PDB file of N, CA and C in Angstrom:
ATOM      1  N   MET A   1      54.388 110.888  52.136  1.00  0.00           N
ATOM      2  CA  MET A   1      55.623 110.210  52.148  1.00  0.00           C
ATOM      3  C   MET A   1      56.786 111.110  52.475  1.00  0.00           C
ATOM      4  N   GLY A   2      56.570 112.357  52.209  1.00  0.00           N
ATOM      5  CA  GLY A   2      57.619 113.320  52.472  1.00  0.00           C
ATOM      6  C   GLY A   2      57.963 113.392  53.928  1.00  0.00           C
ATOM      7  N   SER A   3      56.949 113.272  54.765  1.00  0.00           N
ATOM      8  CA  SER A   3      57.250 113.353  56.186  1.00  0.00           C
ATOM      9  C   SER A   3      57.919 112.078  56.682  1.00  0.00           C
ATOM     10  N   ALA A   4      57.658 110.928  56.025  1.00  0.00           N
ATOM     11  CA  ALA A   4      58.311 109.685  56.418  1.00  0.00           C
ATOM     12  C   ALA A   4      59.779 109.745  56.058  1.00  0.00           C
ATOM     13  N   ASN A   5      60.064 110.313  54.867  1.00  0.00           N
ATOM     14  CA  ASN A   5      61.471 110.461  54.471  1.00  0.00           C
ATOM     15  C   ASN A   5      62.183 111.445  55.389  1.00  0.00           C
ATOM     16  N   GLN A   6      61.483 112.493  55.689  1.00  0.00           N
ATOM     17  CA  GLN A   6      62.051 113.500  56.607  1.00  0.00           C
ATOM     18  C   GLN A   6      62.320 112.876  57.965  1.00  0.00           C
ATOM     19  N   ALA A   7      61.433 112.073  58.468  1.00  0.00           N
ATOM     20  CA  ALA A   7      61.596 111.416  59.776  1.00  0.00           C
ATOM     21  C   ALA A   7      62.742 110.413  59.711  1.00  0.00           C
ATOM     22  N   ALA A   8      62.865 109.727  58.586  1.00  0.00           N
ATOM     23  CA  ALA A   8      63.945 108.753  58.443  1.00  0.00           C
ATOM     24  C   ALA A   8      65.280 109.464  58.421  1.00  0.00           C
ATOM     25  N   ARG A   9      65.355 110.602  57.710  1.00  0.00           N
ATOM     26  CA  ARG A   9      66.601 111.365  57.668  1.00  0.00           C
ATOM     27  C   ARG A   9      66.949 111.912  59.042  1.00  0.00           C
ATOM     28  N   GLU A  10      65.942 112.420  59.723  1.00  0.00           N
ATOM     29  CA  GLU A  10      66.190 112.942  61.080  1.00  0.00           C
ATOM     30  C   GLU A  10      66.608 111.810  62.022  1.00  0.00           C
ATOM     31  N   GLY A  11      65.988 110.659  61.883  1.00  0.00           N
ATOM     32  CA  GLY A  11      66.353 109.498  62.696  1.00  0.00           C
ATOM     33  C   GLY A  11      67.782 109.053  62.397  1.00  0.00           C
ATOM     34  N   ALA A  12      68.138 109.039  61.116  1.00  0.00           N
ATOM     35  CA  ALA A  12      69.494 108.639  60.726  1.00  0.00           C
ATOM     36  C   ALA A  12      70.501 109.655  61.241  1.00  0.00           C
ATOM     37  N   ALA A  13      70.150 110.935  61.145  1.00  0.00           N
ATOM     38  CA  ALA A  13      71.056 111.984  61.636  1.00  0.00           C
ATOM     39  C   ALA A  13      71.205 111.868  63.148  1.00  0.00           C
ATOM     40  N   ALA A  14      70.116 111.596  63.843  1.00  0.00           N
ATOM     41  CA  ALA A  14      70.171 111.450  65.305  1.00  0.00           C
ATOM     42  C   ALA A  14      70.994 110.216  65.664  1.00  0.00           C
ATOM     43  N   ALA A  15      70.816 109.137  64.907  1.00  0.00           N
ATOM     44  CA  ALA A  15      71.585 107.919  65.159  1.00  0.00           C
ATOM     45  C   ALA A  15      73.066 108.184  64.912  1.00  0.00           C
ATOM     46  N   GLY A  16      73.371 108.958  63.860  1.00  0.00           N
ATOM     47  CA  GLY A  16      74.768 109.304  63.573  1.00  0.00           C
ATOM     48  C   GLY A  16      75.376 110.127  64.707  1.00  0.00           C
ATOM     49  N   ARG A  17      74.593 111.087  65.258  1.00  0.00           N
ATOM     50  CA  ARG A  17      75.081 111.911  66.370  1.00  0.00           C
ATOM     51  C   ARG A  17      75.306 111.052  67.611  1.00  0.00           C
ATOM     52  N   VAL A  18      74.363 110.153  67.891  1.00  0.00           N
ATOM     53  CA  VAL A  18      74.499 109.257  69.039  1.00  0.00           C
ATOM     54  C   VAL A  18      75.717 108.366  68.857  1.00  0.00           C
ATOM     55  N   TYR A  19      75.887 107.864  67.613  1.00  0.00           N
ATOM     56  CA  TYR A  19      77.048 107.019  67.343  1.00  0.00           C
ATOM     57  C   TYR A  19      78.338 107.807  67.561  1.00  0.00           C
ATOM     58  N   GLU A  20      78.397 109.018  67.054  1.00  0.00           N
ATOM     59  CA  GLU A  20      79.606 109.855  67.190  1.00  0.00           C
ATOM     60  C   GLU A  20      79.861 110.188  68.658  1.00  0.00           C
ATOM     61  N   GLN A  21      78.801 110.516  69.397  1.00  0.00           N
ATOM     62  CA  GLN A  21      78.962 110.804  70.827  1.00  0.00           C
ATOM     63  C   GLN A  21      79.475 109.560  71.562  1.00  0.00           C
ATOM     64  N   GLY A  22      78.942 108.390  71.227  1.00  0.00           N
ATOM     65  CA  GLY A  22      79.372 107.140  71.841  1.00  0.00           C
ATOM     66  C   GLY A  22      80.827 106.837  71.500  1.00  0.00           C
ATOM     67  N   ARG A  23      81.203 107.079  70.218  1.00  0.00           N
ATOM     68  CA  ARG A  23      82.583 106.852  69.806  1.00  0.00           C
ATOM     69  C   ARG A  23      83.532 107.803  70.535  1.00  0.00           C
ATOM     70  N   GLN A  24      83.141 109.061  70.675  1.00  0.00           N
ATOM     71  CA  GLN A  24      83.981 110.031  71.389  1.00  0.00           C
ATOM     72  C   GLN A  24      84.104 109.660  72.866  1.00  0.00           C
ATOM     73  N   LYS A  25      82.991 109.253  73.454  1.00  0.00           N
ATOM     74  CA  LYS A  25      83.016 108.857  74.872  1.00  0.00           C
ATOM     75  C   LYS A  25      83.900 107.618  75.044  1.00  0.00           C
ATOM     76  N   ALA A  26      83.799 106.664  74.155  1.00  0.00           N
ATOM     77  CA  ALA A  26      84.628 105.458  74.225  1.00  0.00           C
ATOM     78  C   ALA A  26      86.105 105.831  74.089  1.00  0.00           C
ATOM     79  N   GLU A  27      86.404 106.782  73.195  1.00  0.00           N
ATOM     80  CA  GLU A  27      87.796 107.233  73.020  1.00  0.00           C
ATOM     81  C   GLU A  27      88.292 107.928  74.285  1.00  0.00           C
ATOM     82  N   GLU A  28      87.447 108.728  74.925  1.00  0.00           N
ATOM     83  CA  GLU A  28      87.820 109.393  76.177  1.00  0.00           C
ATOM     84  C   GLU A  28      88.095 108.359  77.270  1.00  0.00           C
ATOM     85  N   VAL A  29      87.218 107.367  77.361  1.00  0.00           N
ATOM     86  CA  VAL A  29      87.381 106.312  78.371  1.00  0.00           C
ATOM     87  C   VAL A  29      88.674 105.532  78.099  1.00  0.00           C
ATOM     88  N   ARG A  30      88.920 105.185  76.809  1.00  0.00           N
ATOM     89  CA  ARG A  30      90.141 104.464  76.456  1.00  0.00           C
ATOM     90  C   ARG A  30      91.368 105.292  76.823  1.00  0.00           C
ATOM     91  N   HIS A  31      91.333 106.567  76.505  1.00  0.00           N
ATOM     92  CA  HIS A  31      92.464 107.452  76.817  1.00  0.00           C
ATOM     93  C   HIS A  31      92.657 107.567  78.340  1.00  0.00           C
ATOM     94  N   ASP A  32      91.553 107.676  79.078  1.00  0.00           N
ATOM     95  CA  ASP A  32      91.625 107.772  80.546  1.00  0.00           C
ATOM     96  C   ASP A  32      92.200 106.483  81.142  1.00  0.00           C
ATOM     97  N   VAL A  33      91.717 105.328  80.673  1.00  0.00           N
ATOM     98  CA  VAL A  33      92.202 104.041  81.177  1.00  0.00           C
ATOM     99  C   VAL A  33      93.685 103.874  80.840  1.00  0.00           C
ATOM    100  N   GLN A  34      94.054 104.251  79.635  1.00  0.00           N
ATOM    101  CA  GLN A  34      95.457 104.148  79.215  1.00  0.00           C
ATOM    102  C   GLN A  34      96.340 105.017  80.124  1.00  0.00           C
ATOM    103  N   GLY A  35      95.892 106.207  80.441  1.00  0.00           N
ATOM    104  CA  GLY A  35      96.651 107.092  81.338  1.00  0.00           C
ATOM    105  C   GLY A  35      96.772 106.505  82.738  1.00  0.00           C
ATOM    106  N   ARG A  36      95.681 105.941  83.218  1.00  0.00           N
ATOM    107  CA  ARG A  36      95.718 105.343  84.554  1.00  0.00           C
ATOM    108  C   ARG A  36      96.652 104.126  84.595  1.00  0.00           C
ATOM    109  N   VAL A  37      96.629 103.329  83.545  1.00  0.00           N
ATOM    110  CA  VAL A  37      97.522 102.167  83.472  1.00  0.00           C
ATOM    111  C   VAL A  37      98.977 102.633  83.454  1.00  0.00           C
ATOM    112  N   GLN A  38      99.267 103.660  82.675  1.00  0.00           N
ATOM    113  CA  GLN A  38     100.633 104.190  82.629  1.00  0.00           C
ATOM    114  C   GLN A  38     101.045 104.753  83.989  1.00  0.00           C
ATOM    115  N   ASP A  39     100.128 105.469  84.652  1.00  0.00           N
ATOM    116  CA  ASP A  39     100.429 105.999  85.991  1.00  0.00           C
ATOM    117  C   ASP A  39     100.692 104.863  86.980  1.00  0.00           C
ATOM    118  N   ALA A  40      99.871 103.816  86.920  1.00  0.00           N
ATOM    119  CA  ALA A  40     100.049 102.678  87.829  1.00  0.00           C
ATOM    120  C   ALA A  40     101.376 101.973  87.538  1.00  0.00           C
ATOM    121  N   ALA A  41     101.708 101.825  86.256  1.00  0.00           N
ATOM    122  CA  ALA A  41     102.973 101.179  85.894  1.00  0.00           C
ATOM    123  C   ALA A  41     104.154 102.007  86.396  1.00  0.00           C
ATOM    124  N   GLN A  42     104.068 103.309  86.273  1.00  0.00           N
ATOM    125  CA  GLN A  42     105.144 104.183  86.745  1.00  0.00           C
ATOM    126  C   GLN A  42     105.254 104.128  88.272  1.00  0.00           C
ATOM    127  N   ALA A  43     104.118 104.118  88.949  1.00  0.00           N
ATOM    128  CA  ALA A  43     104.133 104.021  90.415  1.00  0.00           C
ATOM    129  C   ALA A  43     104.739 102.691  90.849  1.00  0.00           C
ATOM    130  N   PHE A  44     104.390 101.627  90.155  1.00  0.00           N
ATOM    131  CA  PHE A  44     104.959 100.311  90.468  1.00  0.00           C
ATOM    132  C   PHE A  44     106.464 100.308  90.254  1.00  0.00           C
ATOM    133  N   GLN A  45     106.903 100.889  89.142  1.00  0.00           N
ATOM    134  CA  GLN A  45     108.339 100.950  88.853  1.00  0.00           C
ATOM    135  C   GLN A  45     109.063 101.785  89.906  1.00  0.00           C
ATOM    136  N   ASP A  46     108.465 102.893  90.318  1.00  0.00           N
ATOM    137  CA  ASP A  46     109.068 103.731  91.355  1.00  0.00           C
ATOM    138  C   ASP A  46     109.200 102.966  92.670  1.00  0.00           C
ATOM    139  N   LYS A  47     108.135 102.263  93.058  1.00  0.00           N
ATOM    140  CA  LYS A  47     108.173 101.490  94.304  1.00  0.00           C
ATOM    141  C   LYS A  47     109.195 100.356  94.213  1.00  0.00           C
ATOM    142  N   ALA A  48     109.263  99.713  93.057  1.00  0.00           N
ATOM    143  CA  ALA A  48     110.236  98.628  92.872  1.00  0.00           C
ATOM    144  C   ALA A  48     111.664  99.168  92.971  1.00  0.00           C
ATOM    145  N   SER A  49     111.905 100.328  92.376  1.00  0.00           N
ATOM    146  CA  SER A  49     113.235 100.945  92.454  1.00  0.00           C
ATOM    147  C   SER A  49     113.570 101.312  93.892  1.00  0.00           C
ATOM    148  N   GLU A  50     112.589 101.845  94.600  1.00  0.00           N
ATOM    149  CA  GLU A  50     112.795 102.211  96.007  1.00  0.00           C
ATOM    150  C   GLU A  50     113.094 100.969  96.846  1.00  0.00           C
ATOM    151  N   ALA A  51     112.330  99.903  96.621  1.00  0.00           N
ATOM    152  CA  ALA A  51     112.557  98.661  97.367  1.00  0.00           C
ATOM    153  C   ALA A  51     113.931  98.076  97.048  1.00  0.00           C
ATOM    154  N   ALA A  52     114.339  98.154  95.789  1.00  0.00           N
ATOM    155  CA  ALA A  52     115.658  97.637  95.406  1.00  0.00           C
ATOM    156  C   ALA A  52     116.754  98.450  96.094  1.00  0.00           C
ATOM    157  N   GLY A  53     116.572  99.764  96.165  1.00  0.00           N
ATOM    158  CA  GLY A  53     117.546 100.612  96.862  1.00  0.00           C
ATOM    159  C   GLY A  53     117.614 100.282  98.342  1.00  0.00           C
ATOM    160  N   GLN A  54     116.471 100.058  98.943  1.00  0.00           N
ATOM    161  CA  GLN A  54     116.453  99.696 100.363  1.00  0.00           C
ATOM    162  C   GLN A  54     117.117  98.343 100.582  1.00  0.00           C
ATOM    163  N   ALA A  55     116.886  97.411  99.668  1.00  0.00           N
ATOM    164  CA  ALA A  55     117.510  96.088  99.787  1.00  0.00           C
ATOM    165  C   ALA A  55     119.029  96.204  99.646  1.00  0.00           C
ATOM    166  N   ARG A  56     119.501  97.040  98.711  1.00  0.00           N
ATOM    167  CA  ARG A  56     120.943  97.251  98.562  1.00  0.00           C
ATOM    168  C   ARG A  56     121.531  97.863  99.816  1.00  0.00           C
ATOM    169  N   ASP A  57     120.830  98.852 100.384  1.00  0.00           N
ATOM    170  CA  ASP A  57     121.317  99.485 101.621  1.00  0.00           C
ATOM    171  C   ASP A  57     121.384  98.475 102.760  1.00  0.00           C
ATOM    172  N   ALA A  58     120.343  97.652 102.897  1.00  0.00           N
ATOM    173  CA  ALA A  58     120.319  96.648 103.964  1.00  0.00           C
ATOM    174  C   ALA A  58     121.434  95.629 103.764  1.00  0.00           C
ATOM    175  N   ALA A  59     121.667  95.213 102.534  1.00  0.00           N
ATOM    176  CA  ALA A  59     122.747  94.247 102.261  1.00  0.00           C
ATOM    177  C   ALA A  59     124.101  94.866 102.585  1.00  0.00           C
ATOM    178  N   HIS A  60     124.271  96.135 102.239  1.00  0.00           N
ATOM    179  CA  HIS A  60     125.536  96.820 102.540  1.00  0.00           C
ATOM    180  C   HIS A  60     125.754  96.917 104.049  1.00  0.00           C
ATOM    181  N   LYS A  61     124.699  97.272 104.773  1.00  0.00           N
ATOM    182  CA  LYS A  61     124.813  97.368 106.234  1.00  0.00           C
ATOM    183  C   LYS A  61     125.106  95.999 106.846  1.00  0.00           C
ATOM    184  N   ALA A  62     124.454  94.959 106.341  1.00  0.00           N
ATOM    185  CA  ALA A  62     124.689  93.605 106.851  1.00  0.00           C
ATOM    186  C   ALA A  62     126.132  93.185 106.582  1.00  0.00           C
ATOM    187  N   ARG A  63     126.628  93.499 105.381  1.00  0.00           N
ATOM    188  CA  ARG A  63     128.011  93.161 105.037  1.00  0.00           C
ATOM    189  C   ARG A  63     128.988  93.883 105.970  1.00  0.00           C
ATOM    190  N   GLU A  64     128.742  95.157 106.224  1.00  0.00           N
ATOM    191  CA  GLU A  64     129.601  95.912 107.137  1.00  0.00           C
ATOM    192  C   GLU A  64     129.557  95.330 108.548  1.00  0.00           C
ATOM    193  N   TYR A  65     128.353  94.957 109.006  1.00  0.00           N
ATOM    194  CA  TYR A  65     128.204  94.395 110.346  1.00  0.00           C
ATOM    195  C   TYR A  65     128.976  93.086 110.472  1.00  0.00           C
ATOM    196  N   VAL A  66     128.821  92.215 109.467  1.00  0.00           N
ATOM    197  CA  VAL A  66     129.520  90.927 109.496  1.00  0.00           C
ATOM    198  C   VAL A  66     131.029  91.159 109.480  1.00  0.00           C
ATOM    199  N   HIS A  67     131.474  92.086 108.652  1.00  0.00           N
ATOM    200  CA  HIS A  67     132.910  92.382 108.583  1.00  0.00           C
ATOM    201  C   HIS A  67     133.410  92.899 109.929  1.00  0.00           C
ATOM    202  N   ASP A  68     132.669  93.810 110.531  1.00  0.00           N
ATOM    203  CA  ASP A  68     133.066  94.356 111.838  1.00  0.00           C
ATOM    204  C   ASP A  68     133.106  93.271 112.907  1.00  0.00           C
ATOM    205  N   GLN A  69     132.107  92.389 112.903  1.00  0.00           N
ATOM    206  CA  GLN A  69     132.065  91.313 113.891  1.00  0.00           C
ATOM    207  C   GLN A  69     133.214  90.335 113.678  1.00  0.00           C
ATOM    208  N   ALA A  70     133.517  90.024 112.419  1.00  0.00           N
ATOM    209  CA  ALA A  70     134.629  89.114 112.128  1.00  0.00           C
ATOM    210  C   ALA A  70     135.951  89.733 112.586  1.00  0.00           C
ATOM    211  N   GLU A  71     136.103  91.023 112.347  1.00  0.00           N
ATOM    212  CA  GLU A  71     137.324  91.707 112.790  1.00  0.00           C
ATOM    213  C   GLU A  71     137.422  91.707 114.310  1.00  0.00           C
ATOM    214  N   HIS A  72     136.301  91.952 114.973  1.00  0.00           N
ATOM    215  CA  HIS A  72     136.273  91.942 116.436  1.00  0.00           C
ATOM    216  C   HIS A  72     136.647  90.551 116.967  1.00  0.00           C
ATOM    217  N   LEU A  73     136.064  89.507 116.377  1.00  0.00           N
ATOM    218  CA  LEU A  73     136.364  88.142 116.814  1.00  0.00           C
ATOM    219  C   LEU A  73     137.829  87.793 116.554  1.00  0.00           C
ATOM    220  N   ARG A  74     138.354  88.221 115.417  1.00  0.00           N
ATOM    221  CA  ARG A  74     139.752  87.955 115.108  1.00  0.00           C
ATOM    222  C   ARG A  74     140.665  88.637 116.131  1.00  0.00           C
ATOM    223  N   ASP A  75     140.341  89.875 116.468  1.00  0.00           N
ATOM    224  CA  ASP A  75     141.137  90.600 117.467  1.00  0.00           C
ATOM    225  C   ASP A  75     141.049  89.928 118.836  1.00  0.00           C
ATOM    226  N   ALA A  76     139.825  89.512 119.217  1.00  0.00           N
ATOM    227  CA  ALA A  76     139.650  88.847 120.515  1.00  0.00           C
ATOM    228  C   ALA A  76     140.401  87.521 120.548  1.00  0.00           C
ATOM    229  N   ALA A  77     140.331  86.757 119.463  1.00  0.00           N
ATOM    230  CA  ALA A  77     141.041  85.475 119.411  1.00  0.00           C
ATOM    231  C   ALA A  77     142.551  85.705 119.505  1.00  0.00           C
ATOM    232  N   SER A  78     143.023  86.725 118.838  1.00  0.00           N
ATOM    233  CA  SER A  78     144.449  87.046 118.896  1.00  0.00           C
ATOM    234  C   SER A  78     144.858  87.422 120.317  1.00  0.00           C
ATOM    235  N   ASP A  79     144.009  88.201 120.979  1.00  0.00           N
ATOM    236  CA  ASP A  79     144.293  88.585 122.372  1.00  0.00           C
ATOM    237  C   ASP A  79     144.318  87.360 123.281  1.00  0.00           C
ATOM    238  N   TYR A  80     143.336  86.451 123.112  1.00  0.00           N
ATOM    239  CA  TYR A  80     143.292  85.243 123.938  1.00  0.00           C
ATOM    240  C   TYR A  80     144.508  84.352 123.665  1.00  0.00           C
ATOM    241  N   LEU A  81     144.896  84.251 122.416  1.00  0.00           N
ATOM    242  CA  LEU A  81     146.056  83.451 122.064  1.00  0.00           C
ATOM    243  C   LEU A  81     147.319  84.022 122.711  1.00  0.00           C
ATOM    244  N   GLN A  82     147.462  85.325 122.631  1.00  0.00           N
ATOM    245  CA  GLN A  82     148.631  85.971 123.237  1.00  0.00           C
ATOM    246  C   GLN A  82     148.617  85.785 124.756  1.00  0.00           C
ATOM    247  N   GLU A  83     147.435  85.910 125.370  1.00  0.00           N
ATOM    248  CA  GLU A  83     147.318  85.711 126.813  1.00  0.00           C
ATOM    249  C   GLU A  83     147.682  84.276 127.179  1.00  0.00           C
ATOM    250  N   GLY A  84     147.210  83.310 126.394  1.00  0.00           N
ATOM    251  CA  GLY A  84     147.522  81.908 126.642  1.00  0.00           C
ATOM    252  C   GLY A  84     149.022  81.644 126.522  1.00  0.00           C
ATOM    253  N   ARG A  85     149.645  82.220 125.515  1.00  0.00           N
ATOM    254  CA  ARG A  85     151.094  82.063 125.351  1.00  0.00           C
ATOM    255  C   ARG A  85     151.841  82.636 126.552  1.00  0.00           C
ATOM    256  N   SER A  86     151.417  83.810 126.987  1.00  0.00           N
ATOM    257  CA  SER A  86     152.082  84.445 128.131  1.00  0.00           C
ATOM    258  C   SER A  86     151.950  83.592 129.387  1.00  0.00           C
ATOM    259  N   ARG A  87     150.738  83.081 129.614  1.00  0.00           N
ATOM    260  CA  ARG A  87     150.525  82.245 130.803  1.00  0.00           C
ATOM    261  C   ARG A  87     151.318  80.943 130.720  1.00  0.00           C
ATOM    262  N   ALA A  88     151.384  80.355 129.541  1.00  0.00           N
ATOM    263  CA  ALA A  88     152.160  79.128 129.376  1.00  0.00           C
ATOM    264  C   ALA A  88     153.641  79.386 129.629  1.00  0.00           C
ATOM    265  N   MET A  89     154.137  80.502 129.139  1.00  0.00           N
ATOM    266  CA  MET A  89     155.543  80.857 129.376  1.00  0.00           C
ATOM    267  C   MET A  89     155.796  81.081 130.865  1.00  0.00           C
ATOM    268  N   GLU A  90     154.865  81.795 131.533  1.00  0.00           N
ATOM    269  CA  GLU A  90     155.010  82.039 132.972  1.00  0.00           C
ATOM    270  C   GLU A  90     154.980  80.720 133.749  1.00  0.00           C
ATOM    271  N   PHE A  91     154.063  79.827 133.364  1.00  0.00           N
ATOM    272  CA  PHE A  91     153.963  78.535 134.040  1.00  0.00           C
ATOM    273  C   PHE A  91     155.254  77.737 133.839  1.00  0.00           C
ATOM    274  N   GLY A  92     155.759  77.743 132.604  1.00  0.00           N
ATOM    275  CA  GLY A  92     157.000  77.034 132.328  1.00  0.00           C
ATOM    276  C   GLY A  92     158.160  77.590 133.139  1.00  0.00           C
ATOM    277  N   GLU A  93     158.208  78.903 133.245  1.00  0.00           N
ATOM    278  CA  GLU A  93     159.275  79.524 134.035  1.00  0.00           C
ATOM    279  C   GLU A  93     159.127  79.188 135.514  1.00  0.00           C
ATOM    280  N   THR A  94     157.888  79.161 136.010  1.00  0.00           N
ATOM    281  CA  THR A  94     157.642  78.827 137.413  1.00  0.00           C
ATOM    282  C   THR A  94     158.052  77.378 137.695  1.00  0.00           C
ATOM    283  N   VAL A  95     157.673  76.463 136.819  1.00  0.00           N
ATOM    284  CA  VAL A  95     158.040  75.053 136.998  1.00  0.00           C
ATOM    285  C   VAL A  95     159.554  74.912 136.951  1.00  0.00           C
ATOM    286  N   GLU A  96     160.162  75.589 136.016  1.00  0.00           N
ATOM    287  CA  GLU A  96     161.610  75.527 135.897  1.00  0.00           C
ATOM    288  C   GLU A  96     162.290  76.044 137.166  1.00  0.00           C
ATOM    289  N   ASP A  97     161.787  77.134 137.708  1.00  0.00           N
ATOM    290  CA  ASP A  97     162.347  77.686 138.963  1.00  0.00           C
ATOM    291  C   ASP A  97     162.169  76.689 140.112  1.00  0.00           C
ATOM    292  N   GLN A  98     160.981  76.065 140.201  1.00  0.00           N
ATOM    293  CA  GLN A  98     160.723  75.101 141.275  1.00  0.00           C
ATOM    294  C   GLN A  98     161.664  73.894 141.162  1.00  0.00           C
ATOM    295  N   ILE A  99     161.899  73.436 139.924  1.00  0.00           N
ATOM    296  CA  ILE A  99     162.800  72.293 139.729  1.00  0.00           C
ATOM    297  C   ILE A  99     164.214  72.666 140.150  1.00  0.00           C
ATOM    298  N   ARG A 100     164.649  73.861 139.834  1.00  0.00           N
ATOM    299  CA  ARG A 100     166.006  74.295 140.220  1.00  0.00           C
ATOM    300  C   ARG A 100     166.129  74.460 141.735  1.00  0.00           C
ATOM    301  N   GLN A 101     165.078  74.950 142.376  1.00  0.00           N
ATOM    302  CA  GLN A 101     165.139  75.181 143.823  1.00  0.00           C
ATOM    303  C   GLN A 101     165.020  73.869 144.605  1.00  0.00           C
ATOM    304  N   GLN A 102     164.204  72.938 144.118  1.00  0.00           N
ATOM    305  CA  GLN A 102     163.977  71.678 144.841  1.00  0.00           C
ATOM    306  C   GLN A 102     164.028  70.508 143.853  1.00  0.00           C
ATOM    307  N   PRO A 103     165.223  70.134 143.401  1.00  0.00           N
ATOM    308  CA  PRO A 103     165.323  69.080 142.379  1.00  0.00           C
ATOM    309  C   PRO A 103     164.861  67.714 142.884  1.00  0.00           C
ATOM    310  N   LEU A 104     165.141  67.352 144.141  1.00  0.00           N
ATOM    311  CA  LEU A 104     164.730  66.052 144.661  1.00  0.00           C
ATOM    312  C   LEU A 104     163.206  65.951 144.687  1.00  0.00           C
ATOM    313  N   ARG A 105     162.554  66.974 145.156  1.00  0.00           N
ATOM    314  CA  ARG A 105     161.077  67.002 145.208  1.00  0.00           C
ATOM    315  C   ARG A 105     160.508  66.859 143.797  1.00  0.00           C
ATOM    316  N   ALA A 106     161.101  67.537 142.806  1.00  0.00           N
ATOM    317  CA  ALA A 106     160.639  67.470 141.425  1.00  0.00           C
ATOM    318  C   ALA A 106     160.750  66.054 140.888  1.00  0.00           C
ATOM    319  N   VAL A 107     161.853  65.375 141.173  1.00  0.00           N
ATOM    320  CA  VAL A 107     162.041  64.004 140.706  1.00  0.00           C
ATOM    321  C   VAL A 107     161.016  63.088 141.363  1.00  0.00           C
ATOM    322  N   LEU A 108     160.756  63.252 142.661  1.00  0.00           N
ATOM    323  CA  LEU A 108     159.776  62.407 143.356  1.00  0.00           C
ATOM    324  C   LEU A 108     158.354  62.638 142.815  1.00  0.00           C
ATOM    325  N   ILE A 109     158.006  63.888 142.538  1.00  0.00           N
ATOM    326  CA  ILE A 109     156.677  64.189 141.968  1.00  0.00           C
ATOM    327  C   ILE A 109     156.561  63.560 140.589  1.00  0.00           C
ATOM    328  N   ALA A 110     157.613  63.683 139.762  1.00  0.00           N
ATOM    329  CA  ALA A 110     157.590  63.098 138.424  1.00  0.00           C
ATOM    330  C   ALA A 110     157.459  61.584 138.505  1.00  0.00           C
ATOM    331  N   ALA A 111     158.153  60.958 139.448  1.00  0.00           N
ATOM    332  CA  ALA A 111     158.064  59.503 139.604  1.00  0.00           C
ATOM    333  C   ALA A 111     156.665  59.096 140.032  1.00  0.00           C
ATOM    334  N   ALA A 112     156.051  59.853 140.951  1.00  0.00           N
ATOM    335  CA  ALA A 112     154.695  59.526 141.413  1.00  0.00           C
ATOM    336  C   ALA A 112     153.695  59.675 140.274  1.00  0.00           C
ATOM    337  N   VAL A 113     153.824  60.718 139.502  1.00  0.00           N
ATOM    338  CA  VAL A 113     152.914  60.923 138.363  1.00  0.00           C
ATOM    339  C   VAL A 113     153.101  59.785 137.369  1.00  0.00           C
ATOM    340  N   GLY A 114     154.332  59.407 137.100  1.00  0.00           N
ATOM    341  CA  GLY A 114     154.604  58.298 136.186  1.00  0.00           C
ATOM    342  C   GLY A 114     154.008  57.000 136.686  1.00  0.00           C
ATOM    343  N   LEU A 115     154.093  56.745 137.996  1.00  0.00           N
ATOM    344  CA  LEU A 115     153.534  55.538 138.579  1.00  0.00           C
ATOM    345  C   LEU A 115     152.014  55.504 138.423  1.00  0.00           C
ATOM    346  N   VAL A 116     151.350  56.618 138.708  1.00  0.00           N
ATOM    347  CA  VAL A 116     149.880  56.684 138.596  1.00  0.00           C
ATOM    348  C   VAL A 116     149.452  56.494 137.144  1.00  0.00           C
ATOM    349  N   VAL A 117     150.130  57.162 136.229  1.00  0.00           N
ATOM    350  CA  VAL A 117     149.774  57.026 134.812  1.00  0.00           C
ATOM    351  C   VAL A 117     150.005  55.587 134.358  1.00  0.00           C
ATOM    352  N   GLY A 118     151.099  54.989 134.789  1.00  0.00           N
ATOM    353  CA  GLY A 118     151.385  53.596 134.436  1.00  0.00           C
ATOM    354  C   GLY A 118     150.327  52.652 134.959  1.00  0.00           C
ATOM    355  N   MET A 119     149.835  52.908 136.175  1.00  0.00           N
ATOM    356  CA  MET A 119     148.799  52.048 136.743  1.00  0.00           C
ATOM    357  C   MET A 119     147.494  52.154 135.931  1.00  0.00           C
ATOM    358  N   PHE A 120     147.113  53.348 135.576  1.00  0.00           N
ATOM    359  CA  PHE A 120     145.890  53.516 134.759  1.00  0.00           C
ATOM    360  C   PHE A 120     146.090  52.907 133.384  1.00  0.00           C
ATOM    361  N   TRP A 121     147.247  53.016 132.859  1.00  0.00           N
ATOM    362  CA  TRP A 121     147.545  52.492 131.519  1.00  0.00           C
ATOM    363  C   TRP A 121     147.422  50.966 131.491  1.00  0.00           C
ATOM    364  N   THR A 122     147.980  50.315 132.527  1.00  0.00           N
ATOM    365  CA  THR A 122     147.945  48.857 132.548  1.00  0.00           C
ATOM    366  C   THR A 122     146.545  48.337 132.858  1.00  0.00           C
ATOM    367  N   ARG A 123     145.771  49.044 133.614  1.00  0.00           N
ATOM    368  CA  ARG A 123     144.397  48.597 133.937  1.00  0.00           C
ATOM    369  C   ARG A 123     143.481  48.699 132.728  1.00  0.00           C
ATOM    370  N   ARG A 124     143.703  49.617 131.885  1.00  0.00           N
ATOM    371  CA  ARG A 124     142.833  49.824 130.710  1.00  0.00           C
ATOM    372  C   ARG A 124     143.057  48.751 129.646  1.00  0.00           C
ATOM    373  N   ARG A 125     144.184  48.126 129.641  1.00  0.00           N
ATOM    374  CA  ARG A 125     144.477  47.110 128.620  1.00  0.00           C
ATOM    375  C   ARG A 125     143.940  45.840 129.048  1.00  0.00           C
TER     376      ARG A 125
END
C-alpha cells in the first residue's frame, strides 16, 4: 500500500504542477491579449486623431477657397456693374448729343417708335 500512496502523492504533485503551469500560461496569454488590445486601442485612437486633423485641415482649406471665390465674384460683379454704369452714361451722353445736333430727326424717330409701340399695344388687347 505504501507504493500506492506514494504514487497517489506523486500523481497529485504532478497534477498540481500541471495546474500551476496551466494557470501561469493562462495568465501570460491574458496579459499578452490585454497588451495587444491596449496597443490596438491606442493605434485606433491615433488614427482617429490623425483623420480628425486631416478633416479639420480640409474644412479649413475649403472655407478659404469658398471665401476667396466669393471675394473674386464680388470683385468681378463690382467691375461689371461699374462698366455697365459707364456704358450707360456714355450712351446717354451720345443720345443727348445726337438730340442737340439733330432735334427734328430725334422727334421723328421718337414719334415712329411711339407709333410702332402703340400698334403692338392695341393688337395685343
